[in-house]
Amino acid sequence: MDIDTARLPNDPDALKAMIMAFAEKEKSFQKRIEDLEEYIRLLKNEIFGRRSEKRPEPDQKQLTLFGNKEPEEEPAEEKVTVYEHTRKKRGRKPLPKHLPVREVICDIEDRKSV
């Protein structure tokens, strides 16, 4: 920030007032920087953070988790009946009985000369 020294007042009280104004601006800028850094941290966590964690809704407060509310009764579990079934056999189906079956034995030569 460039300050024109020719335009500065000679009165010490006026100089103090200007310094106080600059200090207030600097505080507001510093607060804005901290807010933006926090926003960047949250965005990085959103992008690179763990996905399995559930995030609380913005309107929920953490304190209500431990409040004096009575625990709600859970509804009774409904029982569901699953009917049994048989699985089909896996693998090759057997050949039909009307086809002839021949057993052929192939003799393999000794290949010692290889």
PDB file of N, CA and C in Angstrom:
ATOM      1  N   MET A   1       0.850  -1.166   0.000  1.00  0.00           N
ATOM      2  CA  MET A   1       0.000   0.000   0.000  1.00  0.00           C
ATOM      3  C   MET A   1       0.898   1.231   0.000  1.00  0.00           C
ATOM      4  N   ASP A   2       0.737   2.056  -0.998  1.00  0.00           N
ATOM      5  CA  ASP A   2       1.531   3.279  -1.108  1.00  0.00           C
ATOM      6  C   ASP A   2       0.828   4.415  -0.376  1.00  0.00           C
ATOM      7  N   ILE A   3       1.582   5.138   0.439  1.00  0.00           N
ATOM      8  CA  ILE A   3       1.035   6.264   1.185  1.00  0.00           C
ATOM      9  C   ILE A   3       1.701   7.536   0.669  1.00  0.00           C
ATOM     10  N   ASP A   4       0.890   8.498   0.307  1.00  0.00           N
ATOM     11  CA  ASP A   4       1.400   9.781  -0.152  1.00  0.00           C
ATOM     12  C   ASP A   4       1.707  10.624   1.075  1.00  0.00           C
ATOM     13  N   THR A   5       2.987  10.807   1.375  1.00  0.00           N
ATOM     14  CA  THR A   5       3.384  11.534   2.586  1.00  0.00           C
ATOM     15  C   THR A   5       3.040  13.014   2.511  1.00  0.00           C
ATOM     16  N   ALA A   6       2.863  13.533   1.326  1.00  0.00           N
ATOM     17  CA  ALA A   6       2.512  14.946   1.187  1.00  0.00           C
ATOM     18  C   ALA A   6       1.078  15.201   1.663  1.00  0.00           C
ATOM     19  N   ARG A   7       0.224  14.179   1.604  1.00  0.00           N
ATOM     20  CA  ARG A   7      -1.184  14.347   1.979  1.00  0.00           C
ATOM     21  C   ARG A   7      -1.450  14.027   3.445  1.00  0.00           C
ATOM     22  N   LEU A   8      -0.454  13.585   4.187  1.00  0.00           N
ATOM     23  CA  LEU A   8      -0.653  13.258   5.598  1.00  0.00           C
ATOM     24  C   LEU A   8      -0.843  14.534   6.424  1.00  0.00           C
ATOM     25  N   PRO A   9      -1.768  14.490   7.379  1.00  0.00           N
ATOM     26  CA  PRO A   9      -1.956  15.682   8.215  1.00  0.00           C
ATOM     27  C   PRO A   9      -0.819  15.832   9.234  1.00  0.00           C
ATOM     28  N   ASN A  10      -0.621  17.031   9.716  1.00  0.00           N
ATOM     29  CA  ASN A  10       0.412  17.298  10.718  1.00  0.00           C
ATOM     30  C   ASN A  10      -0.108  17.116  12.137  1.00  0.00           C
ATOM     31  N   ASP A  11      -1.391  17.028  12.295  1.00  0.00           N
ATOM     32  CA  ASP A  11      -2.009  16.897  13.614  1.00  0.00           C
ATOM     33  C   ASP A  11      -1.825  15.462  14.123  1.00  0.00           C
ATOM     34  N   PRO A  12      -1.259  15.259  15.326  1.00  0.00           N
ATOM     35  CA  PRO A  12      -1.049  13.903  15.848  1.00  0.00           C
ATOM     36  C   PRO A  12      -2.366  13.147  16.066  1.00  0.00           C
ATOM     37  N   ASP A  13      -3.424  13.857  16.476  1.00  0.00           N
ATOM     38  CA  ASP A  13      -4.712  13.177  16.693  1.00  0.00           C
ATOM     39  C   ASP A  13      -5.286  12.650  15.377  1.00  0.00           C
ATOM     40  N   ALA A  14      -5.136  13.423  14.314  1.00  0.00           N
ATOM     41  CA  ALA A  14      -5.617  12.975  12.999  1.00  0.00           C
ATOM     42  C   ALA A  14      -4.802  11.768  12.513  1.00  0.00           C
ATOM     43  N   LEU A  15      -3.499  11.803  12.776  1.00  0.00           N
ATOM     44  CA  LEU A  15      -2.650  10.661  12.394  1.00  0.00           C
ATOM     45  C   LEU A  15      -3.036   9.401  13.170  1.00  0.00           C
ATOM     46  N   LYS A  16      -3.329   9.577  14.471  1.00  0.00           N
ATOM     47  CA  LYS A  16      -3.761   8.435  15.275  1.00  0.00           C
ATOM     48  C   LYS A  16      -5.081   7.878  14.751  1.00  0.00           C
ATOM     49  N   ALA A  17      -5.991   8.747  14.363  1.00  0.00           N
ATOM     50  CA  ALA A  17      -7.280   8.298  13.825  1.00  0.00           C
ATOM     51  C   ALA A  17      -7.081   7.515  12.529  1.00  0.00           C
ATOM     52  N   MET A  18      -6.161   7.991  11.668  1.00  0.00           N
ATOM     53  CA  MET A  18      -5.885   7.271  10.427  1.00  0.00           C
ATOM     54  C   MET A  18      -5.281   5.893  10.711  1.00  0.00           C
ATOM     55  N   ILE A  19      -4.365   5.851  11.682  1.00  0.00           N
ATOM     56  CA  ILE A  19      -3.734   4.572  12.032  1.00  0.00           C
ATOM     57  C   ILE A  19      -4.781   3.605  12.575  1.00  0.00           C
ATOM     58  N   MET A  20      -5.699   4.093  13.407  1.00  0.00           N
ATOM     59  CA  MET A  20      -6.769   3.246  13.951  1.00  0.00           C
ATOM     60  C   MET A  20      -7.675   2.725  12.835  1.00  0.00           C
ATOM     61  N   ALA A  21      -7.970   3.568  11.853  1.00  0.00           N
ATOM     62  CA  ALA A  21      -8.809   3.140  10.720  1.00  0.00           C
ATOM     63  C   ALA A  21      -8.104   2.044   9.931  1.00  0.00           C
ATOM     64  N   PHE A  22      -6.772   2.237   9.709  1.00  0.00           N
ATOM     65  CA  PHE A  22      -6.018   1.203   9.002  1.00  0.00           C
ATOM     66  C   PHE A  22      -5.975  -0.098   9.802  1.00  0.00           C
ATOM     67  N   ALA A  23      -5.859  -0.004  11.115  1.00  0.00           N
ATOM     68  CA  ALA A  23      -5.821  -1.197  11.964  1.00  0.00           C
ATOM     69  C   ALA A  23      -7.150  -1.941  11.900  1.00  0.00           C
ATOM     70  N   GLU A  24      -8.264  -1.205  11.898  1.00  0.00           N
ATOM     71  CA  GLU A  24      -9.584  -1.847  11.792  1.00  0.00           C
ATOM     72  C   GLU A  24      -9.743  -2.551  10.445  1.00  0.00           C
ATOM     73  N   LYS A  25      -9.268  -1.886   9.377  1.00  0.00           N
ATOM     74  CA  LYS A  25      -9.336  -2.519   8.051  1.00  0.00           C
ATOM     75  C   LYS A  25      -8.497  -3.788   8.023  1.00  0.00           C
ATOM     76  N   GLU A  26      -7.311  -3.700   8.641  1.00  0.00           N
ATOM     77  CA  GLU A  26      -6.427  -4.866   8.661  1.00  0.00           C
ATOM     78  C   GLU A  26      -7.065  -6.026   9.423  1.00  0.00           C
ATOM     79  N   LYS A  27      -7.769  -5.742  10.524  1.00  0.00           N
ATOM     80  CA  LYS A  27      -8.465  -6.786  11.283  1.00  0.00           C
ATOM     81  C   LYS A  27      -9.554  -7.432  10.449  1.00  0.00           C
ATOM     82  N   SER A  28     -10.307  -6.599   9.715  1.00  0.00           N
ATOM     83  CA  SER A  28     -11.383  -7.171   8.893  1.00  0.00           C
ATOM     84  C   SER A  28     -10.799  -8.010   7.758  1.00  0.00           C
ATOM     85  N   PHE A  29      -9.663  -7.545   7.187  1.00  0.00           N
ATOM     86  CA  PHE A  29      -9.022  -8.339   6.141  1.00  0.00           C
ATOM     87  C   PHE A  29      -8.495  -9.657   6.706  1.00  0.00           C
ATOM     88  N   GLN A  30      -7.911  -9.598   7.891  1.00  0.00           N
ATOM     89  CA  GLN A  30      -7.383 -10.808   8.523  1.00  0.00           C
ATOM     90  C   GLN A  30      -8.509 -11.805   8.800  1.00  0.00           C
ATOM     91  N   LYS A  31      -9.662 -11.310   9.267  1.00  0.00           N
ATOM     92  CA  LYS A  31     -10.817 -12.183   9.519  1.00  0.00           C
ATOM     93  C   LYS A  31     -11.292 -12.822   8.213  1.00  0.00           C
ATOM     94  N   ARG A  32     -11.315 -12.033   7.147  1.00  0.00           N
ATOM     95  CA  ARG A  32     -11.737 -12.547   5.836  1.00  0.00           C
ATOM     96  C   ARG A  32     -10.763 -13.623   5.353  1.00  0.00           C
ATOM     97  N   ILE A  33      -9.467 -13.409   5.564  1.00  0.00           N
ATOM     98  CA  ILE A  33      -8.458 -14.393   5.161  1.00  0.00           C
ATOM     99  C   ILE A  33      -8.648 -15.692   5.937  1.00  0.00           C
ATOM    100  N   GLU A  34      -8.886 -15.598   7.238  1.00  0.00           N
ATOM    101  CA  GLU A  34      -9.100 -16.800   8.050  1.00  0.00           C
ATOM    102  C   GLU A  34     -10.346 -17.548   7.585  1.00  0.00           C
ATOM    103  N   ASP A  35     -11.420 -16.815   7.265  1.00  0.00           N
ATOM    104  CA  ASP A  35     -12.637 -17.454   6.779  1.00  0.00           C
ATOM    105  C   ASP A  35     -12.394 -18.177   5.458  1.00  0.00           C
ATOM    106  N   LEU A  36     -11.658 -17.539   4.562  1.00  0.00           N
ATOM    107  CA  LEU A  36     -11.367 -18.165   3.268  1.00  0.00           C
ATOM    108  C   LEU A  36     -10.457 -19.377   3.421  1.00  0.00           C
ATOM    109  N   GLU A  37      -9.487 -19.316   4.325  1.00  0.00           N
ATOM    110  CA  GLU A  37      -8.627 -20.469   4.574  1.00  0.00           C
ATOM    111  C   GLU A  37      -9.433 -21.638   5.134  1.00  0.00           C
ATOM    112  N   GLU A  38     -10.376 -21.357   6.013  1.00  0.00           N
ATOM    113  CA  GLU A  38     -11.243 -22.415   6.554  1.00  0.00           C
ATOM    114  C   GLU A  38     -12.117 -23.007   5.448  1.00  0.00           C
ATOM    115  N   TYR A  39     -12.614 -22.154   4.572  1.00  0.00           N
ATOM    116  CA  TYR A  39     -13.435 -22.619   3.454  1.00  0.00           C
ATOM    117  C   TYR A  39     -12.618 -23.517   2.528  1.00  0.00           C
ATOM    118  N   ILE A  40     -11.368 -23.144   2.273  1.00  0.00           N
ATOM    119  CA  ILE A  40     -10.485 -23.974   1.441  1.00  0.00           C
ATOM    120  C   ILE A  40     -10.237 -25.311   2.114  1.00  0.00           C
ATOM    121  N   ARG A  41     -10.015 -25.297   3.437  1.00  0.00           N
ATOM    122  CA  ARG A  41      -9.778 -26.548   4.168  1.00  0.00           C
ATOM    123  C   ARG A  41     -10.991 -27.465   4.069  1.00  0.00           C
ATOM    124  N   LEU A  42     -12.194 -26.886   4.200  1.00  0.00           N
ATOM    125  CA  LEU A  42     -13.410 -27.695   4.096  1.00  0.00           C
ATOM    126  C   LEU A  42     -13.595 -28.261   2.690  1.00  0.00           C
ATOM    127  N   LEU A  43     -13.300 -27.465   1.685  1.00  0.00           N
ATOM    128  CA  LEU A  43     -13.421 -27.956   0.309  1.00  0.00           C
ATOM    129  C   LEU A  43     -12.418 -29.069   0.023  1.00  0.00           C
ATOM    130  N   LYS A  44     -11.190 -28.909   0.522  1.00  0.00           N
ATOM    131  CA  LYS A  44     -10.199 -29.972   0.336  1.00  0.00           C
ATOM    132  C   LYS A  44     -10.641 -31.241   1.032  1.00  0.00           C
ATOM    133  N   ASN A  45     -11.204 -31.097   2.219  1.00  0.00           N
ATOM    134  CA  ASN A  45     -11.704 -32.266   2.931  1.00  0.00           C
ATOM    135  C   ASN A  45     -12.857 -32.912   2.162  1.00  0.00           C
ATOM    136  N   GLU A  46     -13.687 -32.103   1.548  1.00  0.00           N
ATOM    137  CA  GLU A  46     -14.806 -32.627   0.754  1.00  0.00           C
ATOM    138  C   GLU A  46     -14.295 -33.406  -0.458  1.00  0.00           C
ATOM    139  N   ILE A  47     -13.253 -32.875  -1.090  1.00  0.00           N
ATOM    140  CA  ILE A  47     -12.733 -33.515  -2.298  1.00  0.00           C
ATOM    141  C   ILE A  47     -11.872 -34.723  -1.959  1.00  0.00           C
ATOM    142  N   PHE A  48     -10.933 -34.561  -1.018  1.00  0.00           N
ATOM    143  CA  PHE A  48      -9.944 -35.598  -0.753  1.00  0.00           C
ATOM    144  C   PHE A  48     -10.212 -36.378   0.527  1.00  0.00           C
ATOM    145  N   GLY A  49     -11.244 -36.039   1.268  1.00  0.00           N
ATOM    146  CA  GLY A  49     -11.502 -36.692   2.548  1.00  0.00           C
ATOM    147  C   GLY A  49     -12.151 -38.054   2.385  1.00  0.00           C
ATOM    148  N   ARG A  50     -12.438 -38.683   3.495  1.00  0.00           N
ATOM    149  CA  ARG A  50     -13.071 -39.997   3.488  1.00  0.00           C
ATOM    150  C   ARG A  50     -14.505 -39.878   3.015  1.00  0.00           C
ATOM    151  N   ARG A  51     -14.930 -40.829   2.232  1.00  0.00           N
ATOM    152  CA  ARG A  51     -16.270 -40.800   1.663  1.00  0.00           C
ATOM    153  C   ARG A  51     -17.290 -41.521   2.543  1.00  0.00           C
ATOM    154  N   SER A  52     -16.834 -42.401   3.406  1.00  0.00           N
ATOM    155  CA  SER A  52     -17.778 -43.210   4.171  1.00  0.00           C
ATOM    156  C   SER A  52     -18.376 -42.456   5.346  1.00  0.00           C
ATOM    157  N   GLU A  53     -17.773 -41.352   5.712  1.00  0.00           N
ATOM    158  CA  GLU A  53     -18.297 -40.610   6.855  1.00  0.00           C
ATOM    159  C   GLU A  53     -19.567 -39.876   6.456  1.00  0.00           C
ATOM    160  N   LYS A  54     -20.533 -39.914   7.335  1.00  0.00           N
ATOM    161  CA  LYS A  54     -21.765 -39.177   7.069  1.00  0.00           C
ATOM    162  C   LYS A  54     -21.592 -37.768   7.612  1.00  0.00           C
ATOM    163  N   ARG A  55     -21.967 -36.825   6.804  1.00  0.00           N
ATOM    164  CA  ARG A  55     -21.841 -35.429   7.207  1.00  0.00           C
ATOM    165  C   ARG A  55     -23.160 -34.956   7.802  1.00  0.00           C
ATOM    166  N   PRO A  56     -23.105 -34.202   8.892  1.00  0.00           N
ATOM    167  CA  PRO A  56     -24.352 -33.693   9.472  1.00  0.00           C
ATOM    168  C   PRO A  56     -24.963 -32.625   8.575  1.00  0.00           C
ATOM    169  N   GLU A  57     -26.256 -32.548   8.603  1.00  0.00           N
ATOM    170  CA  GLU A  57     -26.943 -31.507   7.853  1.00  0.00           C
ATOM    171  C   GLU A  57     -26.578 -30.157   8.459  1.00  0.00           C
ATOM    172  N   PRO A  58     -26.588 -29.086   7.670  1.00  0.00           N
ATOM    173  CA  PRO A  58     -26.183 -27.786   8.204  1.00  0.00           C
ATOM    174  C   PRO A  58     -27.072 -27.284   9.336  1.00  0.00           C
ATOM    175  N   ASP A  59     -28.346 -27.670   9.355  1.00  0.00           N
ATOM    176  CA  ASP A  59     -29.231 -27.151  10.385  1.00  0.00           C
ATOM    177  C   ASP A  59     -29.187 -27.981  11.672  1.00  0.00           C
ATOM    178  N   GLN A  60     -28.541 -29.148  11.647  1.00  0.00           N
ATOM    179  CA  GLN A  60     -28.456 -29.970  12.854  1.00  0.00           C
ATOM    180  C   GLN A  60     -27.325 -29.468  13.735  1.00  0.00           C
ATOM    181  N   LYS A  61     -27.519 -29.576  15.010  1.00  0.00           N
ATOM    182  CA  LYS A  61     -26.486 -29.180  15.964  1.00  0.00           C
ATOM    183  C   LYS A  61     -25.958 -30.424  16.657  1.00  0.00           C
ATOM    184  N   GLN A  62     -24.680 -30.450  16.930  1.00  0.00           N
ATOM    185  CA  GLN A  62     -24.076 -31.592  17.595  1.00  0.00           C
ATOM    186  C   GLN A  62     -24.609 -31.742  19.010  1.00  0.00           C
ATOM    187  N   LEU A  63     -24.975 -30.642  19.636  1.00  0.00           N
ATOM    188  CA  LEU A  63     -25.427 -30.701  21.022  1.00  0.00           C
ATOM    189  C   LEU A  63     -26.743 -31.454  21.166  1.00  0.00           C
ATOM    190  N   THR A  64     -27.578 -31.485  20.136  1.00  0.00           N
ATOM    191  CA  THR A  64     -28.843 -32.195  20.252  1.00  0.00           C
ATOM    192  C   THR A  64     -28.637 -33.701  20.358  1.00  0.00           C
ATOM    193  N   LEU A  65     -27.450 -34.158  19.990  1.00  0.00           N
ATOM    194  CA  LEU A  65     -27.155 -35.586  20.095  1.00  0.00           C
ATOM    195  C   LEU A  65     -27.167 -36.033  21.553  1.00  0.00           C
ATOM    196  N   PHE A  66     -26.691 -35.180  22.450  1.00  0.00           N
ATOM    197  CA  PHE A  66     -26.606 -35.533  23.854  1.00  0.00           C
ATOM    198  C   PHE A  66     -27.632 -34.785  24.702  1.00  0.00           C
ATOM    199  N   GLY A  67     -28.699 -34.351  24.081  1.00  0.00           N
ATOM    200  CA  GLY A  67     -29.721 -33.599  24.801  1.00  0.00           C
ATOM    201  C   GLY A  67     -30.488 -34.482  25.769  1.00  0.00           C
ATOM    202  N   ASN A  68     -31.481 -33.919  26.429  1.00  0.00           N
ATOM    203  CA  ASN A  68     -32.255 -34.641  27.427  1.00  0.00           C
ATOM    204  C   ASN A  68     -33.461 -35.361  26.822  1.00  0.00           C
ATOM    205  N   LYS A  69     -33.468 -35.547  25.538  1.00  0.00           N
ATOM    206  CA  LYS A  69     -34.585 -36.239  24.906  1.00  0.00           C
ATOM    207  C   LYS A  69     -34.604 -37.706  25.317  1.00  0.00           C
ATOM    208  N   GLU A  70     -35.814 -38.228  25.459  1.00  0.00           N
ATOM    209  CA  GLU A  70     -35.953 -39.648  25.750  1.00  0.00           C
ATOM    210  C   GLU A  70     -35.664 -40.432  24.475  1.00  0.00           C
ATOM    211  N   PRO A  71     -35.035 -41.578  24.594  1.00  0.00           N
ATOM    212  CA  PRO A  71     -34.778 -42.360  23.378  1.00  0.00           C
ATOM    213  C   PRO A  71     -36.086 -42.846  22.771  1.00  0.00           C
ATOM    214  N   GLU A  72     -36.165 -42.719  21.464  1.00  0.00           N
ATOM    215  CA  GLU A  72     -37.370 -43.158  20.775  1.00  0.00           C
ATOM    216  C   GLU A  72     -37.377 -44.675  20.691  1.00  0.00           C
ATOM    217  N   GLU A  73     -38.570 -45.246  20.829  1.00  0.00           N
ATOM    218  CA  GLU A  73     -38.676 -46.694  20.727  1.00  0.00           C
ATOM    219  C   GLU A  73     -38.599 -47.079  19.257  1.00  0.00           C
ATOM    220  N   GLU A  74     -37.806 -48.084  18.994  1.00  0.00           N
ATOM    221  CA  GLU A  74     -37.673 -48.543  17.615  1.00  0.00           C
ATOM    222  C   GLU A  74     -38.864 -49.416  17.281  1.00  0.00           C
ATOM    223  N   PRO A  75     -39.388 -49.319  16.072  1.00  0.00           N
ATOM    224  CA  PRO A  75     -40.520 -50.166  15.696  1.00  0.00           C
ATOM    225  C   PRO A  75     -40.100 -51.630  15.660  1.00  0.00           C
ATOM    226  N   ALA A  76     -41.045 -52.500  15.951  1.00  0.00           N
ATOM    227  CA  ALA A  76     -40.750 -53.929  15.959  1.00  0.00           C
ATOM    228  C   ALA A  76     -40.366 -54.370  14.555  1.00  0.00           C
ATOM    229  N   GLU A  77     -39.387 -55.264  14.488  1.00  0.00           N
ATOM    230  CA  GLU A  77     -38.933 -55.728  13.182  1.00  0.00           C
ATOM    231  C   GLU A  77     -39.992 -56.637  12.566  1.00  0.00           C
ATOM    232  N   GLU A  78     -40.253 -56.415  11.302  1.00  0.00           N
ATOM    233  CA  GLU A  78     -41.201 -57.266  10.596  1.00  0.00           C
ATOM    234  C   GLU A  78     -40.479 -58.535  10.166  1.00  0.00           C
ATOM    235  N   LYS A  79     -41.126 -59.668  10.362  1.00  0.00           N
ATOM    236  CA  LYS A  79     -40.514 -60.930   9.961  1.00  0.00           C
ATOM    237  C   LYS A  79     -40.945 -61.239   8.534  1.00  0.00           C
ATOM    238  N   VAL A  80     -39.985 -61.569   7.732  1.00  0.00           N
ATOM    239  CA  VAL A  80     -40.250 -61.876   6.337  1.00  0.00           C
ATOM    240  C   VAL A  80     -39.930 -63.344   6.121  1.00  0.00           C
ATOM    241  N   THR A  81     -40.888 -64.076   5.528  1.00  0.00           N
ATOM    242  CA  THR A  81     -40.696 -65.495   5.263  1.00  0.00           C
ATOM    243  C   THR A  81     -40.132 -65.653   3.864  1.00  0.00           C
ATOM    244  N   VAL A  82     -39.044 -66.402   3.769  1.00  0.00           N
ATOM    245  CA  VAL A  82     -38.432 -66.671   2.478  1.00  0.00           C
ATOM    246  C   VAL A  82     -38.718 -68.127   2.150  1.00  0.00           C
ATOM    247  N   TYR A  83     -39.331 -68.361   1.005  1.00  0.00           N
ATOM    248  CA  TYR A  83     -39.660 -69.725   0.611  1.00  0.00           C
ATOM    249  C   TYR A  83     -38.416 -70.436   0.106  1.00  0.00           C
ATOM    250  N   GLU A  84     -38.341 -71.740   0.426  1.00  0.00           N
ATOM    251  CA  GLU A  84     -37.192 -72.523   0.014  1.00  0.00           C
ATOM    252  C   GLU A  84     -37.268 -72.800  -1.475  1.00  0.00           C
ATOM    253  N   HIS A  85     -36.134 -73.028  -2.045  1.00  0.00           N
ATOM    254  CA  HIS A  85     -36.074 -73.399  -3.454  1.00  0.00           C
ATOM    255  C   HIS A  85     -34.886 -74.333  -3.646  1.00  0.00           C
ATOM    256  N   THR A  86     -34.922 -75.084  -4.730  1.00  0.00           N
ATOM    257  CA  THR A  86     -33.813 -75.984  -5.026  1.00  0.00           C
ATOM    258  C   THR A  86     -33.012 -75.381  -6.170  1.00  0.00           C
ATOM    259  N   ARG A  87     -31.727 -75.590  -6.085  1.00  0.00           N
ATOM    260  CA  ARG A  87     -30.864 -75.069  -7.139  1.00  0.00           C
ATOM    261  C   ARG A  87     -30.707 -76.119  -8.234  1.00  0.00           C
ATOM    262  N   LYS A  88     -30.480 -75.632  -9.437  1.00  0.00           N
ATOM    263  CA  LYS A  88     -30.204 -76.542 -10.545  1.00  0.00           C
ATOM    264  C   LYS A  88     -28.791 -77.070 -10.389  1.00  0.00           C
ATOM    265  N   LYS A  89     -28.576 -78.277 -10.848  1.00  0.00           N
ATOM    266  CA  LYS A  89     -27.238 -78.850 -10.804  1.00  0.00           C
ATOM    267  C   LYS A  89     -26.348 -78.084 -11.763  1.00  0.00           C
ATOM    268  N   ARG A  90     -25.126 -77.869 -11.326  1.00  0.00           N
ATOM    269  CA  ARG A  90     -24.173 -77.172 -12.169  1.00  0.00           C
ATOM    270  C   ARG A  90     -23.362 -78.184 -12.957  1.00  0.00           C
ATOM    271  N   GLY A  91     -22.839 -77.754 -14.061  1.00  0.00           N
ATOM    272  CA  GLY A  91     -21.953 -78.604 -14.828  1.00  0.00           C
ATOM    273  C   GLY A  91     -22.628 -79.129 -16.100  1.00  0.00           C
ATOM    274  N   ARG A  92     -21.971 -80.126 -16.692  1.00  0.00           N
ATOM    275  CA  ARG A  92     -22.425 -80.681 -17.958  1.00  0.00           C
ATOM    276  C   ARG A  92     -23.634 -81.585 -17.764  1.00  0.00           C
ATOM    277  N   LYS A  93     -24.577 -81.471 -18.679  1.00  0.00           N
ATOM    278  CA  LYS A  93     -25.751 -82.345 -18.632  1.00  0.00           C
ATOM    279  C   LYS A  93     -25.352 -83.733 -19.138  1.00  0.00           C
ATOM    280  N   PRO A  94     -25.964 -84.764 -18.599  1.00  0.00           N
ATOM    281  CA  PRO A  94     -25.612 -86.107 -19.083  1.00  0.00           C
ATOM    282  C   PRO A  94     -26.117 -86.323 -20.515  1.00  0.00           C
ATOM    283  N   LEU A  95     -25.415 -87.240 -21.215  1.00  0.00           N
ATOM    284  CA  LEU A  95     -25.819 -87.555 -22.591  1.00  0.00           C
ATOM    285  C   LEU A  95     -27.131 -88.326 -22.587  1.00  0.00           C
ATOM    286  N   PRO A  96     -27.915 -88.182 -23.639  1.00  0.00           N
ATOM    287  CA  PRO A  96     -29.168 -88.955 -23.704  1.00  0.00           C
ATOM    288  C   PRO A  96     -28.887 -90.463 -23.763  1.00  0.00           C
ATOM    289  N   LYS A  97     -29.811 -91.256 -23.237  1.00  0.00           N
ATOM    290  CA  LYS A  97     -29.617 -92.711 -23.124  1.00  0.00           C
ATOM    291  C   LYS A  97     -29.639 -93.404 -24.487  1.00  0.00           C
ATOM    292  N   HIS A  98     -30.312 -92.805 -25.479  1.00  0.00           N
ATOM    293  CA  HIS A  98     -30.462 -93.488 -26.765  1.00  0.00           C
ATOM    294  C   HIS A  98     -29.219 -93.396 -27.649  1.00  0.00           C
ATOM    295  N   LEU A  99     -28.239 -92.580 -27.293  1.00  0.00           N
ATOM    296  CA  LEU A  99     -27.012 -92.475 -28.076  1.00  0.00           C
ATOM    297  C   LEU A  99     -26.058 -93.605 -27.682  1.00  0.00           C
ATOM    298  N   PRO A 100     -25.393 -94.224 -28.697  1.00  0.00           N
ATOM    299  CA  PRO A 100     -24.437 -95.286 -28.372  1.00  0.00           C
ATOM    300  C   PRO A 100     -23.166 -94.689 -27.790  1.00  0.00           C
ATOM    301  N   VAL A 101     -22.562 -95.438 -26.881  1.00  0.00           N
ATOM    302  CA  VAL A 101     -21.339 -94.991 -26.221  1.00  0.00           C
ATOM    303  C   VAL A 101     -20.247 -95.990 -26.565  1.00  0.00           C
ATOM    304  N   ARG A 102     -19.115 -95.485 -27.091  1.00  0.00           N
ATOM    305  CA  ARG A 102     -17.984 -96.349 -27.406  1.00  0.00           C
ATOM    306  C   ARG A 102     -16.784 -95.870 -26.613  1.00  0.00           C
ATOM    307  N   GLU A 103     -16.045 -96.818 -26.083  1.00  0.00           N
ATOM    308  CA  GLU A 103     -14.838 -96.475 -25.345  1.00  0.00           C
ATOM    309  C   GLU A 103     -13.650 -96.719 -26.267  1.00  0.00           C
ATOM    310  N   VAL A 104     -12.859 -95.676 -26.510  1.00  0.00           N
ATOM    311  CA  VAL A 104     -11.709 -95.769 -27.400  1.00  0.00           C
ATOM    312  C   VAL A 104     -10.469 -95.476 -26.571  1.00  0.00           C
ATOM    313  N   ILE A 105      -9.506 -96.390 -26.604  1.00  0.00           N
ATOM    314  CA  ILE A 105      -8.266 -96.222 -25.855  1.00  0.00           C
ATOM    315  C   ILE A 105      -7.172 -95.883 -26.852  1.00  0.00           C
ATOM    316  N   CYS A 106      -6.493 -94.784 -26.658  1.00  0.00           N
ATOM    317  CA  CYS A 106      -5.400 -94.348 -27.533  1.00  0.00           C
ATOM    318  C   CYS A 106      -4.094 -94.590 -26.803  1.00  0.00           C
ATOM    319  N   ASP A 107      -3.190 -95.329 -27.442  1.00  0.00           N
ATOM    320  CA  ASP A 107      -1.895 -95.623 -26.870  1.00  0.00           C
ATOM    321  C   ASP A 107      -0.916 -94.537 -27.295  1.00  0.00           C
ATOM    322  N   ILE A 108      -0.167 -94.000 -26.359  1.00  0.00           N
ATOM    323  CA  ILE A 108       0.794 -92.946 -26.667  1.00  0.00           C
ATOM    324  C   ILE A 108       2.175 -93.586 -26.677  1.00  0.00           C
ATOM    325  N   GLU A 109       2.909 -93.294 -27.736  1.00  0.00           N
ATOM    326  CA  GLU A 109       4.249 -93.866 -27.890  1.00  0.00           C
ATOM    327  C   GLU A 109       5.208 -93.195 -26.904  1.00  0.00           C
ATOM    328  N   ASP A 110       6.242 -93.968 -26.548  1.00  0.00           N
ATOM    329  CA  ASP A 110       7.303 -93.368 -25.756  1.00  0.00           C
ATOM    330  C   ASP A 110       8.108 -92.456 -26.653  1.00  0.00           C
ATOM    331  N   ARG A 111       8.385 -91.263 -26.206  1.00  0.00           N
ATOM    332  CA  ARG A 111       9.106 -90.302 -27.044  1.00  0.00           C
ATOM    333  C   ARG A 111      10.462 -90.007 -26.409  1.00  0.00           C
ATOM    334  N   LYS A 112      11.306 -91.009 -26.308  1.00  0.00           N
ATOM    335  CA  LYS A 112      12.605 -90.847 -25.711  1.00  0.00           C
ATOM    336  C   LYS A 112      13.577 -90.171 -26.656  1.00  0.00           C
ATOM    337  N   SER A 113      13.307 -90.194 -27.909  1.00  0.00           N
ATOM    338  CA  SER A 113      14.234 -89.635 -28.893  1.00  0.00           C
ATOM    339  C   SER A 113      14.087 -88.112 -29.059  1.00  0.00           C
ATOM    340  N   VAL A 114      13.292 -87.507 -28.302  1.00  0.00           N
ATOM    341  CA  VAL A 114      13.047 -86.073 -28.454  1.00  0.00           C
ATOM    342  C   VAL A 114      14.165 -85.257 -27.874  1.00  0.00           C
TER     343      VAL A 114
END
